Amino acid sequence: MDNQNILETVVKAADDRRANNIDVLNIEELSVMGRYFVIMDASSERQVKAISEHIVDQLEEKQVHILHVEGKDKPNWILIDLGDVIIHIFKTETREFYNLEKLWADGVQVDISKWITEE
C-alpha cells in the first residue's frame, strides 16, 4: 500500500472516532525519520486510546506493517510508527504543550479535506 492510501486510511479511521484537528505534514525534506506526520487530538485519554486502536485495526485489516506503538499505557500521547508515516494522537492539553506543528512549521500541509466528514 502506498503512502497516500495509508494516509487516507489513517485520516478516515481517526475521523470515524471523532479525532480533533487532524493535520498531515509532509516532512520528507526536513527529516530522515519519516515522510509524513499525522497529528490529531482528543479530549480524553479514553478517546485517545479508542482512536489509536481503531487506526491500528484499520491498518492491520489492510495488512499495513506497524513498526511500533508507543504510549498505550498512559494515553496522553500515542505514537504509531509505520516507517514513512508517523502518527501522533494527543490528549488536547498535551498537544498544546508539545506543539509539534510549530516545531515542524517548515513541513508542507497535506490537503485532507476529501477524507474527512463535514460537521
PDB file of N, CA and C in Angstrom:
ATOM      1  N   MET A   1       0.857  -1.172   0.000  1.00  0.00           N
ATOM      2  CA  MET A   1       0.000   0.000   0.000  1.00  0.00           C
ATOM      3  C   MET A   1       0.900   1.230   0.000  1.00  0.00           C
ATOM      4  N   ASP A   2       0.600   2.194  -0.861  1.00  0.00           N
ATOM      5  CA  ASP A   2       1.442   3.389  -0.934  1.00  0.00           C
ATOM      6  C   ASP A   2       1.077   4.389   0.169  1.00  0.00           C
ATOM      7  N   ASN A   3       1.937   5.382   0.342  1.00  0.00           N
ATOM      8  CA  ASN A   3       1.766   6.344   1.435  1.00  0.00           C
ATOM      9  C   ASN A   3       0.445   7.101   1.360  1.00  0.00           C
ATOM     10  N   GLN A   4      -0.005   7.455   0.174  1.00  0.00           N
ATOM     11  CA  GLN A   4      -1.270   8.188   0.057  1.00  0.00           C
ATOM     12  C   GLN A   4      -2.442   7.346   0.550  1.00  0.00           C
ATOM     13  N   ASN A   5      -2.449   6.070   0.217  1.00  0.00           N
ATOM     14  CA  ASN A   5      -3.513   5.182   0.696  1.00  0.00           C
ATOM     15  C   ASN A   5      -3.429   4.973   2.202  1.00  0.00           C
ATOM     16  N   ILE A   6      -2.208   4.883   2.718  1.00  0.00           N
ATOM     17  CA  ILE A   6      -2.035   4.763   4.172  1.00  0.00           C
ATOM     18  C   ILE A   6      -2.540   6.026   4.859  1.00  0.00           C
ATOM     19  N   LEU A   7      -2.165   7.195   4.343  1.00  0.00           N
ATOM     20  CA  LEU A   7      -2.634   8.453   4.928  1.00  0.00           C
ATOM     21  C   LEU A   7      -4.153   8.527   4.910  1.00  0.00           C
ATOM     22  N   GLU A   8      -4.758   8.158   3.797  1.00  0.00           N
ATOM     23  CA  GLU A   8      -6.217   8.186   3.699  1.00  0.00           C
ATOM     24  C   GLU A   8      -6.850   7.247   4.729  1.00  0.00           C
ATOM     25  N   THR A   9      -6.314   6.052   4.872  1.00  0.00           N
ATOM     26  CA  THR A   9      -6.825   5.088   5.850  1.00  0.00           C
ATOM     27  C   THR A   9      -6.733   5.650   7.265  1.00  0.00           C
ATOM     28  N   VAL A  10      -5.579   6.230   7.604  1.00  0.00           N
ATOM     29  CA  VAL A  10      -5.360   6.780   8.940  1.00  0.00           C
ATOM     30  C   VAL A  10      -6.311   7.941   9.214  1.00  0.00           C
ATOM     31  N   VAL A  11      -6.412   8.873   8.277  1.00  0.00           N
ATOM     32  CA  VAL A  11      -7.265  10.052   8.476  1.00  0.00           C
ATOM     33  C   VAL A  11      -8.729   9.643   8.601  1.00  0.00           C
ATOM     34  N   LYS A  12      -9.180   8.749   7.749  1.00  0.00           N
ATOM     35  CA  LYS A  12     -10.577   8.299   7.821  1.00  0.00           C
ATOM     36  C   LYS A  12     -10.859   7.557   9.128  1.00  0.00           C
ATOM     37  N   ALA A  13      -9.924   6.728   9.558  1.00  0.00           N
ATOM     38  CA  ALA A  13     -10.111   5.999  10.824  1.00  0.00           C
ATOM     39  C   ALA A  13     -10.161   6.970  11.992  1.00  0.00           C
ATOM     40  N   ALA A  14      -9.283   7.966  11.993  1.00  0.00           N
ATOM     41  CA  ALA A  14      -9.282   8.973  13.061  1.00  0.00           C
ATOM     42  C   ALA A  14     -10.584   9.769  13.037  1.00  0.00           C
ATOM     43  N   ASP A  15     -11.021  10.135  11.851  1.00  0.00           N
ATOM     44  CA  ASP A  15     -12.273  10.884  11.718  1.00  0.00           C
ATOM     45  C   ASP A  15     -13.468  10.039  12.179  1.00  0.00           C
ATOM     46  N   ASP A  16     -13.443   8.729  11.914  1.00  0.00           N
ATOM     47  CA  ASP A  16     -14.510   7.821  12.374  1.00  0.00           C
ATOM     48  C   ASP A  16     -14.674   7.871  13.888  1.00  0.00           C
ATOM     49  N   ARG A  17     -13.561   8.063  14.599  1.00  0.00           N
ATOM     50  CA  ARG A  17     -13.585   8.098  16.066  1.00  0.00           C
ATOM     51  C   ARG A  17     -13.554   9.528  16.598  1.00  0.00           C
ATOM     52  N   ARG A  18     -13.878  10.466  15.729  1.00  0.00           N
ATOM     53  CA  ARG A  18     -14.061  11.877  16.097  1.00  0.00           C
ATOM     54  C   ARG A  18     -12.799  12.545  16.653  1.00  0.00           C
ATOM     55  N   ALA A  19     -11.666  12.240  16.041  1.00  0.00           N
ATOM     56  CA  ALA A  19     -10.428  12.932  16.403  1.00  0.00           C
ATOM     57  C   ALA A  19     -10.570  14.411  16.046  1.00  0.00           C
ATOM     58  N   ASN A  20      -9.945  15.258  16.839  1.00  0.00           N
ATOM     59  CA  ASN A  20      -9.987  16.704  16.613  1.00  0.00           C
ATOM     60  C   ASN A  20      -8.752  17.167  15.843  1.00  0.00           C
ATOM     61  N   ASN A  21      -8.946  18.200  15.042  1.00  0.00           N
ATOM     62  CA  ASN A  21      -7.828  18.933  14.433  1.00  0.00           C
ATOM     63  C   ASN A  21      -6.800  18.015  13.776  1.00  0.00           C
ATOM     64  N   ILE A  22      -7.248  17.199  12.847  1.00  0.00           N
ATOM     65  CA  ILE A  22      -6.338  16.283  12.162  1.00  0.00           C
ATOM     66  C   ILE A  22      -5.499  17.083  11.164  1.00  0.00           C
ATOM     67  N   ASP A  23      -4.178  16.964  11.292  1.00  0.00           N
ATOM     68  CA  ASP A  23      -3.242  17.609  10.372  1.00  0.00           C
ATOM     69  C   ASP A  23      -2.290  16.567   9.822  1.00  0.00           C
ATOM     70  N   VAL A  24      -1.946  16.715   8.550  1.00  0.00           N
ATOM     71  CA  VAL A  24      -0.935  15.860   7.936  1.00  0.00           C
ATOM     72  C   VAL A  24       0.139  16.782   7.370  1.00  0.00           C
ATOM     73  N   LEU A  25       1.377  16.534   7.797  1.00  0.00           N
ATOM     74  CA  LEU A  25       2.514  17.321   7.337  1.00  0.00           C
ATOM     75  C   LEU A  25       3.473  16.440   6.548  1.00  0.00           C
ATOM     76  N   ASN A  26       3.878  16.916   5.382  1.00  0.00           N
ATOM     77  CA  ASN A  26       4.917  16.249   4.625  1.00  0.00           C
ATOM     78  C   ASN A  26       6.245  16.783   5.147  1.00  0.00           C
ATOM     79  N   ILE A  27       7.040  15.898   5.756  1.00  0.00           N
ATOM     80  CA  ILE A  27       8.312  16.315   6.366  1.00  0.00           C
ATOM     81  C   ILE A  27       9.514  15.681   5.669  1.00  0.00           C
ATOM     82  N   GLU A  28       9.317  15.121   4.484  1.00  0.00           N
ATOM     83  CA  GLU A  28      10.402  14.361   3.861  1.00  0.00           C
ATOM     84  C   GLU A  28      11.620  15.209   3.527  1.00  0.00           C
ATOM     85  N   GLU A  29      11.452  16.513   3.311  1.00  0.00           N
ATOM     86  CA  GLU A  29      12.601  17.379   3.047  1.00  0.00           C
ATOM     87  C   GLU A  29      13.287  17.828   4.331  1.00  0.00           C
ATOM     88  N   LEU A  30      12.682  17.538   5.480  1.00  0.00           N
ATOM     89  CA  LEU A  30      13.177  18.041   6.760  1.00  0.00           C
ATOM     90  C   LEU A  30      13.788  16.975   7.653  1.00  0.00           C
ATOM     91  N   SER A  31      13.509  15.715   7.383  1.00  0.00           N
ATOM     92  CA  SER A  31      13.877  14.679   8.339  1.00  0.00           C
ATOM     93  C   SER A  31      14.138  13.350   7.645  1.00  0.00           C
ATOM     94  N   VAL A  32      14.971  12.551   8.268  1.00  0.00           N
ATOM     95  CA  VAL A  32      15.160  11.180   7.805  1.00  0.00           C
ATOM     96  C   VAL A  32      14.267  10.217   8.590  1.00  0.00           C
ATOM     97  N   MET A  33      13.515  10.759   9.584  1.00  0.00           N
ATOM     98  CA  MET A  33      12.640   9.935  10.424  1.00  0.00           C
ATOM     99  C   MET A  33      11.471   9.342   9.663  1.00  0.00           C
ATOM    100  N   GLY A  34      10.938  10.078   8.744  1.00  0.00           N
ATOM    101  CA  GLY A  34       9.758   9.637   8.025  1.00  0.00           C
ATOM    102  C   GLY A  34       9.437  10.652   6.956  1.00  0.00           C
ATOM    103  N   ARG A  35       8.347  10.409   6.257  1.00  0.00           N
ATOM    104  CA  ARG A  35       7.919  11.333   5.214  1.00  0.00           C
ATOM    105  C   ARG A  35       6.711  12.164   5.637  1.00  0.00           C
ATOM    106  N   TYR A  36       5.878  11.581   6.505  1.00  0.00           N
ATOM    107  CA  TYR A  36       4.658  12.275   6.908  1.00  0.00           C
ATOM    108  C   TYR A  36       4.440  12.159   8.408  1.00  0.00           C
ATOM    109  N   PHE A  37       3.971  13.231   8.996  1.00  0.00           N
ATOM    110  CA  PHE A  37       3.438  13.230  10.353  1.00  0.00           C
ATOM    111  C   PHE A  37       1.935  13.393  10.229  1.00  0.00           C
ATOM    112  N   VAL A  38       1.183  12.566  10.928  1.00  0.00           N
ATOM    113  CA  VAL A  38      -0.255  12.759  11.077  1.00  0.00           C
ATOM    114  C   VAL A  38      -0.453  13.112  12.547  1.00  0.00           C
ATOM    115  N   ILE A  39      -1.048  14.281  12.795  1.00  0.00           N
ATOM    116  CA  ILE A  39      -1.192  14.799  14.151  1.00  0.00           C
ATOM    117  C   ILE A  39      -2.668  15.065  14.413  1.00  0.00           C
ATOM    118  N   MET A  40      -3.130  14.635  15.589  1.00  0.00           N
ATOM    119  CA  MET A  40      -4.534  14.844  15.957  1.00  0.00           C
ATOM    120  C   MET A  40      -4.633  14.876  17.468  1.00  0.00           C
ATOM    121  N   ASP A  41      -5.809  15.247  17.973  1.00  0.00           N
ATOM    122  CA  ASP A  41      -6.000  15.226  19.419  1.00  0.00           C
ATOM    123  C   ASP A  41      -7.411  14.795  19.767  1.00  0.00           C
ATOM    124  N   ALA A  42      -7.590  14.529  21.055  1.00  0.00           N
ATOM    125  CA  ALA A  42      -8.884  14.132  21.608  1.00  0.00           C
ATOM    126  C   ALA A  42      -8.983  14.684  23.021  1.00  0.00           C
ATOM    127  N   SER A  43     -10.199  14.826  23.511  1.00  0.00           N
ATOM    128  CA  SER A  43     -10.412  15.490  24.800  1.00  0.00           C
ATOM    129  C   SER A  43     -10.145  14.611  26.016  1.00  0.00           C
ATOM    130  N   SER A  44     -10.059  13.290  25.829  1.00  0.00           N
ATOM    131  CA  SER A  44      -9.833  12.413  26.983  1.00  0.00           C
ATOM    132  C   SER A  44      -8.856  11.296  26.627  1.00  0.00           C
ATOM    133  N   GLU A  45      -8.243  10.724  27.659  1.00  0.00           N
ATOM    134  CA  GLU A  45      -7.339   9.591  27.443  1.00  0.00           C
ATOM    135  C   GLU A  45      -8.094   8.411  26.832  1.00  0.00           C
ATOM    136  N   ARG A  46      -9.323   8.229  27.254  1.00  0.00           N
ATOM    137  CA  ARG A  46     -10.142   7.135  26.729  1.00  0.00           C
ATOM    138  C   ARG A  46     -10.346   7.275  25.218  1.00  0.00           C
ATOM    139  N   GLN A  47     -10.609   8.516  24.775  1.00  0.00           N
ATOM    140  CA  GLN A  47     -10.801   8.744  23.345  1.00  0.00           C
ATOM    141  C   GLN A  47      -9.479   8.604  22.586  1.00  0.00           C
ATOM    142  N   VAL A  48      -8.370   9.069  23.162  1.00  0.00           N
ATOM    143  CA  VAL A  48      -7.060   8.901  22.538  1.00  0.00           C
ATOM    144  C   VAL A  48      -6.806   7.415  22.280  1.00  0.00           C
ATOM    145  N   LYS A  49      -7.076   6.604  23.278  1.00  0.00           N
ATOM    146  CA  LYS A  49      -6.868   5.160  23.154  1.00  0.00           C
ATOM    147  C   LYS A  49      -7.805   4.555  22.106  1.00  0.00           C
ATOM    148  N   ALA A  50      -9.063   4.966  22.105  1.00  0.00           N
ATOM    149  CA  ALA A  50     -10.026   4.443  21.131  1.00  0.00           C
ATOM    150  C   ALA A  50      -9.620   4.802  19.698  1.00  0.00           C
ATOM    151  N   ILE A  51      -9.157   6.019  19.507  1.00  0.00           N
ATOM    152  CA  ILE A  51      -8.699   6.439  18.178  1.00  0.00           C
ATOM    153  C   ILE A  51      -7.518   5.588  17.740  1.00  0.00           C
ATOM    154  N   SER A  52      -6.537   5.421  18.625  1.00  0.00           N
ATOM    155  CA  SER A  52      -5.342   4.652  18.258  1.00  0.00           C
ATOM    156  C   SER A  52      -5.699   3.203  17.939  1.00  0.00           C
ATOM    157  N   GLU A  53      -6.573   2.609  18.730  1.00  0.00           N
ATOM    158  CA  GLU A  53      -6.968   1.216  18.489  1.00  0.00           C
ATOM    159  C   GLU A  53      -7.687   1.070  17.154  1.00  0.00           C
ATOM    160  N   HIS A  54      -8.541   2.035  16.819  1.00  0.00           N
ATOM    161  CA  HIS A  54      -9.269   1.965  15.545  1.00  0.00           C
ATOM    162  C   HIS A  54      -8.309   2.139  14.363  1.00  0.00           C
ATOM    163  N   ILE A  55      -7.359   3.056  14.493  1.00  0.00           N
ATOM    164  CA  ILE A  55      -6.372   3.235  13.427  1.00  0.00           C
ATOM    165  C   ILE A  55      -5.578   1.944  13.230  1.00  0.00           C
ATOM    166  N   VAL A  56      -5.094   1.360  14.318  1.00  0.00           N
ATOM    167  CA  VAL A  56      -4.329   0.113  14.232  1.00  0.00           C
ATOM    168  C   VAL A  56      -5.175  -0.991  13.597  1.00  0.00           C
ATOM    169  N   ASP A  57      -6.426  -1.114  14.006  1.00  0.00           N
ATOM    170  CA  ASP A  57      -7.313  -2.131  13.424  1.00  0.00           C
ATOM    171  C   ASP A  57      -7.471  -1.944  11.917  1.00  0.00           C
ATOM    172  N   GLN A  58      -7.687  -0.708  11.495  1.00  0.00           N
ATOM    173  CA  GLN A  58      -7.878  -0.421  10.066  1.00  0.00           C
ATOM    174  C   GLN A  58      -6.605  -0.710   9.272  1.00  0.00           C
ATOM    175  N   LEU A  59      -5.453  -0.365   9.842  1.00  0.00           N
ATOM    176  CA  LEU A  59      -4.185  -0.636   9.163  1.00  0.00           C
ATOM    177  C   LEU A  59      -3.918  -2.137   9.071  1.00  0.00           C
ATOM    178  N   GLU A  60      -4.178  -2.851  10.150  1.00  0.00           N
ATOM    179  CA  GLU A  60      -3.977  -4.308  10.137  1.00  0.00           C
ATOM    180  C   GLU A  60      -4.911  -4.983   9.139  1.00  0.00           C
ATOM    181  N   GLU A  61      -6.137  -4.479   9.048  1.00  0.00           N
ATOM    182  CA  GLU A  61      -7.094  -5.024   8.088  1.00  0.00           C
ATOM    183  C   GLU A  61      -6.577  -4.899   6.656  1.00  0.00           C
ATOM    184  N   LYS A  62      -5.843  -3.818   6.393  1.00  0.00           N
ATOM    185  CA  LYS A  62      -5.279  -3.586   5.060  1.00  0.00           C
ATOM    186  C   LYS A  62      -3.849  -4.112   4.950  1.00  0.00           C
ATOM    187  N   GLN A  63      -3.431  -4.863   5.963  1.00  0.00           N
ATOM    188  CA  GLN A  63      -2.131  -5.518   6.007  1.00  0.00           C
ATOM    189  C   GLN A  63      -0.959  -4.534   5.907  1.00  0.00           C
ATOM    190  N   VAL A  64      -1.112  -3.384   6.572  1.00  0.00           N
ATOM    191  CA  VAL A  64      -0.027  -2.410   6.659  1.00  0.00           C
ATOM    192  C   VAL A  64       0.834  -2.798   7.860  1.00  0.00           C
ATOM    193  N   HIS A  65       2.131  -2.874   7.645  1.00  0.00           N
ATOM    194  CA  HIS A  65       3.063  -3.265   8.706  1.00  0.00           C
ATOM    195  C   HIS A  65       3.265  -2.110   9.687  1.00  0.00           C
ATOM    196  N   ILE A  66       2.963  -2.355  10.944  1.00  0.00           N
ATOM    197  CA  ILE A  66       3.152  -1.367  12.004  1.00  0.00           C
ATOM    198  C   ILE A  66       4.467  -1.686  12.700  1.00  0.00           C
ATOM    199  N   LEU A  67       5.397  -0.737  12.661  1.00  0.00           N
ATOM    200  CA  LEU A  67       6.716  -0.966  13.262  1.00  0.00           C
ATOM    201  C   LEU A  67       6.659  -0.933  14.778  1.00  0.00           C
ATOM    202  N   HIS A  68       5.922   0.059  15.322  1.00  0.00           N
ATOM    203  CA  HIS A  68       5.924   0.221  16.774  1.00  0.00           C
ATOM    204  C   HIS A  68       4.756   1.114  17.198  1.00  0.00           C
ATOM    205  N   VAL A  69       4.210   0.818  18.370  1.00  0.00           N
ATOM    206  CA  VAL A  69       3.206   1.676  19.003  1.00  0.00           C
ATOM    207  C   VAL A  69       3.739   2.032  20.381  1.00  0.00           C
ATOM    208  N   GLU A  70       3.778   3.308  20.681  1.00  0.00           N
ATOM    209  CA  GLU A  70       4.328   3.792  21.948  1.00  0.00           C
ATOM    210  C   GLU A  70       3.278   4.618  22.682  1.00  0.00           C
ATOM    211  N   GLY A  71       3.162   4.442  23.998  1.00  0.00           N
ATOM    212  CA  GLY A  71       2.313   5.289  24.817  1.00  0.00           C
ATOM    213  C   GLY A  71       0.956   4.721  25.178  1.00  0.00           C
ATOM    214  N   LYS A  72       0.714   3.448  24.881  1.00  0.00           N
ATOM    215  CA  LYS A  72      -0.603   2.863  25.168  1.00  0.00           C
ATOM    216  C   LYS A  72      -0.910   2.796  26.657  1.00  0.00           C
ATOM    217  N   ASP A  73       0.121   2.693  27.494  1.00  0.00           N
ATOM    218  CA  ASP A  73      -0.100   2.549  28.931  1.00  0.00           C
ATOM    219  C   ASP A  73      -0.641   3.820  29.582  1.00  0.00           C
ATOM    220  N   LYS A  74      -0.222   4.972  29.125  1.00  0.00           N
ATOM    221  CA  LYS A  74      -0.685   6.258  29.655  1.00  0.00           C
ATOM    222  C   LYS A  74      -1.017   7.137  28.455  1.00  0.00           C
ATOM    223  N   PRO A  75      -2.221   7.002  27.935  1.00  0.00           N
ATOM    224  CA  PRO A  75      -2.522   7.602  26.633  1.00  0.00           C
ATOM    225  C   PRO A  75      -2.741   9.128  26.626  1.00  0.00           C
ATOM    226  N   ASN A  76      -1.692   9.870  26.977  1.00  0.00           N
ATOM    227  CA  ASN A  76      -1.697  11.315  26.745  1.00  0.00           C
ATOM    228  C   ASN A  76      -1.160  11.617  25.355  1.00  0.00           C
ATOM    229  N   TRP A  77      -0.305  10.699  24.869  1.00  0.00           N
ATOM    230  CA  TRP A  77       0.301  10.832  23.553  1.00  0.00           C
ATOM    231  C   TRP A  77       0.649   9.437  23.081  1.00  0.00           C
ATOM    232  N   ILE A  78      -0.046   8.969  22.072  1.00  0.00           N
ATOM    233  CA  ILE A  78       0.251   7.667  21.487  1.00  0.00           C
ATOM    234  C   ILE A  78       0.875   7.900  20.125  1.00  0.00           C
ATOM    235  N   LEU A  79       1.999   7.243  19.896  1.00  0.00           N
ATOM    236  CA  LEU A  79       2.708   7.352  18.637  1.00  0.00           C
ATOM    237  C   LEU A  79       2.640   6.000  17.938  1.00  0.00           C
ATOM    238  N   ILE A  80       2.240   6.015  16.679  1.00  0.00           N
ATOM    239  CA  ILE A  80       2.203   4.811  15.857  1.00  0.00           C
ATOM    240  C   ILE A  80       3.185   5.021  14.716  1.00  0.00           C
ATOM    241  N   ASP A  81       4.209   4.173  14.669  1.00  0.00           N
ATOM    242  CA  ASP A  81       5.276   4.312  13.679  1.00  0.00           C
ATOM    243  C   ASP A  81       5.068   3.303  12.560  1.00  0.00           C
ATOM    244  N   LEU A  82       4.875   3.817  11.344  1.00  0.00           N
ATOM    245  CA  LEU A  82       4.720   2.970  10.170  1.00  0.00           C
ATOM    246  C   LEU A  82       5.937   3.076   9.250  1.00  0.00           C
ATOM    247  N   GLY A  83       6.974   3.736   9.709  1.00  0.00           N
ATOM    248  CA  GLY A  83       8.148   3.969   8.865  1.00  0.00           C
ATOM    249  C   GLY A  83       8.042   5.324   8.202  1.00  0.00           C
ATOM    250  N   ASP A  84       7.457   5.366   7.016  1.00  0.00           N
ATOM    251  CA  ASP A  84       7.292   6.630   6.297  1.00  0.00           C
ATOM    252  C   ASP A  84       6.227   7.529   6.923  1.00  0.00           C
ATOM    253  N   VAL A  85       5.265   6.935   7.590  1.00  0.00           N
ATOM    254  CA  VAL A  85       4.160   7.678   8.213  1.00  0.00           C
ATOM    255  C   VAL A  85       4.246   7.499   9.725  1.00  0.00           C
ATOM    256  N   ILE A  86       4.268   8.623  10.430  1.00  0.00           N
ATOM    257  CA  ILE A  86       4.323   8.598  11.890  1.00  0.00           C
ATOM    258  C   ILE A  86       3.080   9.319  12.409  1.00  0.00           C
ATOM    259  N   ILE A  87       2.303   8.613  13.217  1.00  0.00           N
ATOM    260  CA  ILE A  87       1.011   9.111  13.682  1.00  0.00           C
ATOM    261  C   ILE A  87       1.136   9.522  15.143  1.00  0.00           C
ATOM    262  N   HIS A  88       0.688  10.735  15.448  1.00  0.00           N
ATOM    263  CA  HIS A  88       0.703  11.264  16.808  1.00  0.00           C
ATOM    264  C   HIS A  88      -0.739  11.528  17.229  1.00  0.00           C
ATOM    265  N   ILE A  89      -1.185  10.854  18.282  1.00  0.00           N
ATOM    266  CA  ILE A  89      -2.534  11.052  18.815  1.00  0.00           C
ATOM    267  C   ILE A  89      -2.366  11.594  20.231  1.00  0.00           C
ATOM    268  N   PHE A  90      -2.758  12.832  20.419  1.00  0.00           N
ATOM    269  CA  PHE A  90      -2.546  13.530  21.680  1.00  0.00           C
ATOM    270  C   PHE A  90      -3.848  13.738  22.440  1.00  0.00           C
ATOM    271  N   LYS A  91      -3.752  13.815  23.742  1.00  0.00           N
ATOM    272  CA  LYS A  91      -4.788  14.447  24.532  1.00  0.00           C
ATOM    273  C   LYS A  91      -4.620  15.950  24.258  1.00  0.00           C
ATOM    274  N   THR A  92      -5.706  16.693  24.187  1.00  0.00           N
ATOM    275  CA  THR A  92      -5.665  18.082  23.736  1.00  0.00           C
ATOM    276  C   THR A  92      -4.614  18.916  24.464  1.00  0.00           C
ATOM    277  N   GLU A  93      -4.564  18.823  25.785  1.00  0.00           N
ATOM    278  CA  GLU A  93      -3.607  19.636  26.548  1.00  0.00           C
ATOM    279  C   GLU A  93      -2.166  19.256  26.230  1.00  0.00           C
ATOM    280  N   THR A  94      -1.930  17.988  25.986  1.00  0.00           N
ATOM    281  CA  THR A  94      -0.581  17.517  25.663  1.00  0.00           C
ATOM    282  C   THR A  94      -0.159  18.035  24.294  1.00  0.00           C
ATOM    283  N   ARG A  95      -1.091  18.033  23.353  1.00  0.00           N
ATOM    284  CA  ARG A  95      -0.777  18.568  22.017  1.00  0.00           C
ATOM    285  C   ARG A  95      -0.413  20.044  22.106  1.00  0.00           C
ATOM    286  N   GLU A  96      -1.177  20.792  22.882  1.00  0.00           N
ATOM    287  CA  GLU A  96      -0.894  22.214  23.033  1.00  0.00           C
ATOM    288  C   GLU A  96       0.484  22.437  23.656  1.00  0.00           C
ATOM    289  N   PHE A  97       0.863  21.599  24.615  1.00  0.00           N
ATOM    290  CA  PHE A  97       2.150  21.740  25.288  1.00  0.00           C
ATOM    291  C   PHE A  97       3.321  21.477  24.334  1.00  0.00           C
ATOM    292  N   TYR A  98       3.256  20.371  23.589  1.00  0.00           N
ATOM    293  CA  TYR A  98       4.371  19.995  22.717  1.00  0.00           C
ATOM    294  C   TYR A  98       4.376  20.753  21.386  1.00  0.00           C
ATOM    295  N   ASN A  99       3.218  21.130  20.890  1.00  0.00           N
ATOM    296  CA  ASN A  99       3.082  21.968  19.701  1.00  0.00           C
ATOM    297  C   ASN A  99       3.984  21.509  18.542  1.00  0.00           C
ATOM    298  N   LEU A 100       3.815  20.265  18.121  1.00  0.00           N
ATOM    299  CA  LEU A 100       4.627  19.720  17.038  1.00  0.00           C
ATOM    300  C   LEU A 100       4.500  20.515  15.745  1.00  0.00           C
ATOM    301  N   GLU A 101       3.337  21.072  15.511  1.00  0.00           N
ATOM    302  CA  GLU A 101       3.153  21.855  14.286  1.00  0.00           C
ATOM    303  C   GLU A 101       4.115  23.033  14.231  1.00  0.00           C
ATOM    304  N   LYS A 102       4.395  23.638  15.377  1.00  0.00           N
ATOM    305  CA  LYS A 102       5.345  24.751  15.406  1.00  0.00           C
ATOM    306  C   LYS A 102       6.771  24.238  15.191  1.00  0.00           C
ATOM    307  N   LEU A 103       7.104  23.115  15.822  1.00  0.00           N
ATOM    308  CA  LEU A 103       8.437  22.541  15.647  1.00  0.00           C
ATOM    309  C   LEU A 103       8.703  22.130  14.201  1.00  0.00           C
ATOM    310  N   TRP A 104       7.671  21.681  13.522  1.00  0.00           N
ATOM    311  CA  TRP A 104       7.786  21.222  12.139  1.00  0.00           C
ATOM    312  C   TRP A 104       7.087  22.189  11.185  1.00  0.00           C
ATOM    313  N   ALA A 105       7.160  23.478  11.489  1.00  0.00           N
ATOM    314  CA  ALA A 105       6.449  24.503  10.716  1.00  0.00           C
ATOM    315  C   ALA A 105       6.878  24.560   9.251  1.00  0.00           C
ATOM    316  N   ASP A 106       8.067  24.076   8.945  1.00  0.00           N
ATOM    317  CA  ASP A 106       8.522  24.075   7.553  1.00  0.00           C
ATOM    318  C   ASP A 106       7.974  22.900   6.761  1.00  0.00           C
ATOM    319  N   GLY A 107       7.258  22.013   7.424  1.00  0.00           N
ATOM    320  CA  GLY A 107       6.624  20.896   6.729  1.00  0.00           C
ATOM    321  C   GLY A 107       5.487  21.410   5.857  1.00  0.00           C
ATOM    322  N   VAL A 108       5.205  20.679   4.802  1.00  0.00           N
ATOM    323  CA  VAL A 108       4.150  21.062   3.859  1.00  0.00           C
ATOM    324  C   VAL A 108       2.832  20.429   4.299  1.00  0.00           C
ATOM    325  N   GLN A 109       1.818  21.275   4.492  1.00  0.00           N
ATOM    326  CA  GLN A 109       0.483  20.807   4.877  1.00  0.00           C
ATOM    327  C   GLN A 109      -0.133  20.015   3.728  1.00  0.00           C
ATOM    328  N   VAL A 110      -0.634  18.820   4.022  1.00  0.00           N
ATOM    329  CA  VAL A 110      -1.298  17.976   3.028  1.00  0.00           C
ATOM    330  C   VAL A 110      -2.799  18.220   3.133  1.00  0.00           C
ATOM    331  N   ASP A 111      -3.446  18.394   1.996  1.00  0.00           N
ATOM    332  CA  ASP A 111      -4.892  18.613   1.968  1.00  0.00           C
ATOM    333  C   ASP A 111      -5.617  17.290   2.233  1.00  0.00           C
ATOM    334  N   ILE A 112      -6.338  17.230   3.343  1.00  0.00           N
ATOM    335  CA  ILE A 112      -7.066  16.004   3.712  1.00  0.00           C
ATOM    336  C   ILE A 112      -8.573  16.215   3.670  1.00  0.00           C
ATOM    337  N   SER A 113      -9.008  17.339   3.115  1.00  0.00           N
ATOM    338  CA  SER A 113     -10.431  17.706   3.171  1.00  0.00           C
ATOM    339  C   SER A 113     -11.332  16.642   2.530  1.00  0.00           C
ATOM    340  N   LYS A 114     -10.858  15.939   1.536  1.00  0.00           N
ATOM    341  CA  LYS A 114     -11.691  14.925   0.883  1.00  0.00           C
ATOM    342  C   LYS A 114     -11.814  13.632   1.693  1.00  0.00           C
ATOM    343  N   TRP A 115     -11.016  13.515   2.753  1.00  0.00           N
ATOM    344  CA  TRP A 115     -11.030  12.297   3.568  1.00  0.00           C
ATOM    345  C   TRP A 115     -11.793  12.460   4.877  1.00  0.00           C
ATOM    346  N   ILE A 116     -12.204  13.649   5.220  1.00  0.00           N
ATOM    347  CA  ILE A 116     -12.901  13.866   6.493  1.00  0.00           C
ATOM    348  C   ILE A 116     -14.327  14.315   6.223  1.00  0.00           C
ATOM    349  N   THR A 117     -15.198  14.035   7.192  1.00  0.00           N
ATOM    350  CA  THR A 117     -16.598  14.403   7.040  1.00  0.00           C
ATOM    351  C   THR A 117     -16.819  15.823   7.565  1.00  0.00           C
ATOM    352  N   GLU A 118     -17.706  16.517   6.933  1.00  0.00           N
ATOM    353  CA  GLU A 118     -18.081  17.863   7.367  1.00  0.00           C
ATOM    354  C   GLU A 118     -19.011  17.767   8.561  1.00  0.00           C
ATOM    355  N   GLU A 119     -18.896  18.687   9.493  1.00  0.00           N
ATOM    356  CA  GLU A 119     -19.794  18.681  10.663  1.00  0.00           C
ATOM    357  C   GLU A 119     -20.848  19.728  10.514  1.00  0.00           C
TER     358      GLU A 119
END
